[in-house]
Amino acid sequence: MTAFVIASVNVTDPEKYKGYMALTPDAIAKHGGKFVVRGGNPEVLEGEWPRPRVVVIEFASREAAKTFYNSVDYTAARAARAGAAEFSMIVVDAIS
């Protein structure tokens, strides 16, 4: 079943964050993922939204998403991101 990784991001150090952004596309592609949303400009329609940047990545399954997250490549990307952003990430299953 398709799963989506969703991140809510506030970039606090744009220069350092560029290093993370350079590493993530290959790590995602290696695990069969693809960006659905990568950016900002969310418009709040109701309630509050915690951060100005949203990323949505599609994977073939929850297992594939978790394998990506725990991979050597993405672990390196997360290390590159340290101190550059406030970041929350979840994985959710698509409607079957």
Protein backbone atom coordinates (compact mmCIF):
# COMPACT_ATOMS: atom_id res chain seq x y z
CA MET A 1 0.00 0.00 0.00
CA THR A 2 1.31 3.43 -0.93
CA ALA A 3 2.55 5.55 1.96
CA PHE A 4 3.50 9.19 2.26
CA VAL A 5 6.23 10.81 4.32
CA ILE A 6 5.13 14.29 5.35
CA ALA A 7 7.47 16.85 6.86
CA SER A 8 6.70 20.18 8.46
CA VAL A 9 9.76 22.43 8.32
CA ASN A 10 10.97 25.82 9.49
CA VAL A 11 14.38 26.53 7.99
CA THR A 12 16.50 28.46 10.49
CA ASP A 13 19.82 28.35 8.62
CA PRO A 14 19.19 28.50 4.85
CA GLU A 15 22.83 28.04 3.85
CA LYS A 16 23.27 24.91 5.96
CA TYR A 17 19.87 23.59 4.83
CA LYS A 18 21.08 23.67 1.21
CA GLY A 19 23.43 20.80 2.08
CA TYR A 20 20.47 18.72 3.26
CA MET A 21 18.46 19.59 0.16
CA ALA A 22 21.35 18.49 -2.05
CA LEU A 23 21.52 15.05 -0.40
CA THR A 24 17.84 14.13 -0.15
CA PRO A 25 16.76 13.63 -3.81
CA ASP A 26 19.20 10.76 -4.43
CA ALA A 27 18.40 9.12 -1.07
CA ILE A 28 14.68 9.30 -1.84
CA ALA A 29 15.05 8.01 -5.40
CA LYS A 30 17.25 5.12 -4.23
CA HIS A 31 14.31 3.85 -2.19
CA GLY A 32 11.69 4.33 -4.88
CA GLY A 33 10.30 7.56 -3.47
CA LYS A 34 9.25 10.68 -5.30
CA PHE A 35 8.49 14.20 -4.20
CA VAL A 36 4.82 15.16 -4.40
CA VAL A 37 5.27 18.50 -2.62
CA ARG A 38 8.60 20.16 -1.90
CA GLY A 39 8.33 23.68 -0.78
CA GLY A 40 6.49 26.38 0.89
CA ASN A 41 3.71 28.81 0.51
CA PRO A 42 1.06 26.80 2.36
CA GLU A 43 -2.16 28.75 2.79
CA VAL A 44 -3.95 28.05 6.05
CA LEU A 45 -7.64 27.45 5.45
CA GLU A 46 -8.54 26.50 9.00
CA GLY A 47 -6.78 26.42 12.36
CA GLU A 48 -3.04 26.89 12.63
CA TRP A 49 -0.21 25.41 10.61
CA PRO A 50 3.02 25.02 12.56
CA ARG A 51 5.68 25.76 9.94
CA PRO A 52 6.07 27.53 6.59
CA ARG A 53 7.53 24.63 4.56
CA VAL A 54 5.81 21.34 3.67
CA VAL A 55 7.33 18.28 2.04
CA VAL A 56 5.36 15.22 0.90
CA ILE A 57 7.15 12.16 -0.49
CA GLU A 58 5.38 9.14 -1.96
CA PHE A 59 6.71 5.60 -1.45
CA ALA A 60 5.38 2.22 -2.57
CA SER A 61 4.80 1.19 1.05
CA ARG A 62 5.29 2.18 4.68
CA GLU A 63 8.17 -0.29 4.80
CA ALA A 64 9.89 1.43 1.86
CA ALA A 65 9.43 4.80 3.56
CA LYS A 66 10.95 3.53 6.80
CA THR A 67 13.81 1.86 4.94
CA PHE A 68 14.52 5.22 3.29
CA TYR A 69 14.37 7.03 6.65
CA ASN A 70 16.81 4.60 8.27
CA SER A 71 19.15 4.33 5.27
CA VAL A 72 22.81 5.34 5.39
CA ASP A 73 22.12 8.01 2.75
CA TYR A 74 19.28 9.67 4.62
CA THR A 75 21.07 9.37 7.95
CA ALA A 76 23.86 11.45 6.37
CA ALA A 77 21.30 13.95 5.09
CA ARG A 78 19.75 14.26 8.55
CA ALA A 79 23.20 14.90 10.01
CA ALA A 80 23.75 17.64 7.41
CA ARG A 81 20.43 19.19 8.44
CA ALA A 82 21.26 19.29 12.17
CA GLY A 83 20.88 22.83 13.47
CA ALA A 84 19.50 24.12 10.17
CA ALA A 85 15.77 23.60 10.71
CA GLU A 86 12.93 22.82 13.05
CA PHE A 87 11.64 19.58 11.57
CA SER A 88 8.81 17.11 12.17
CA MET A 89 8.23 14.08 9.97
CA ILE A 90 5.53 11.40 9.85
CA VAL A 91 4.65 8.46 7.63
CA VAL A 92 1.01 7.73 6.76
CA ASP A 93 -0.68 5.11 4.62
CA ALA A 94 -2.67 6.11 1.55
CA ILE A 95 -6.32 5.24 1.22
CA SER A 96 -6.62 1.66 0.03
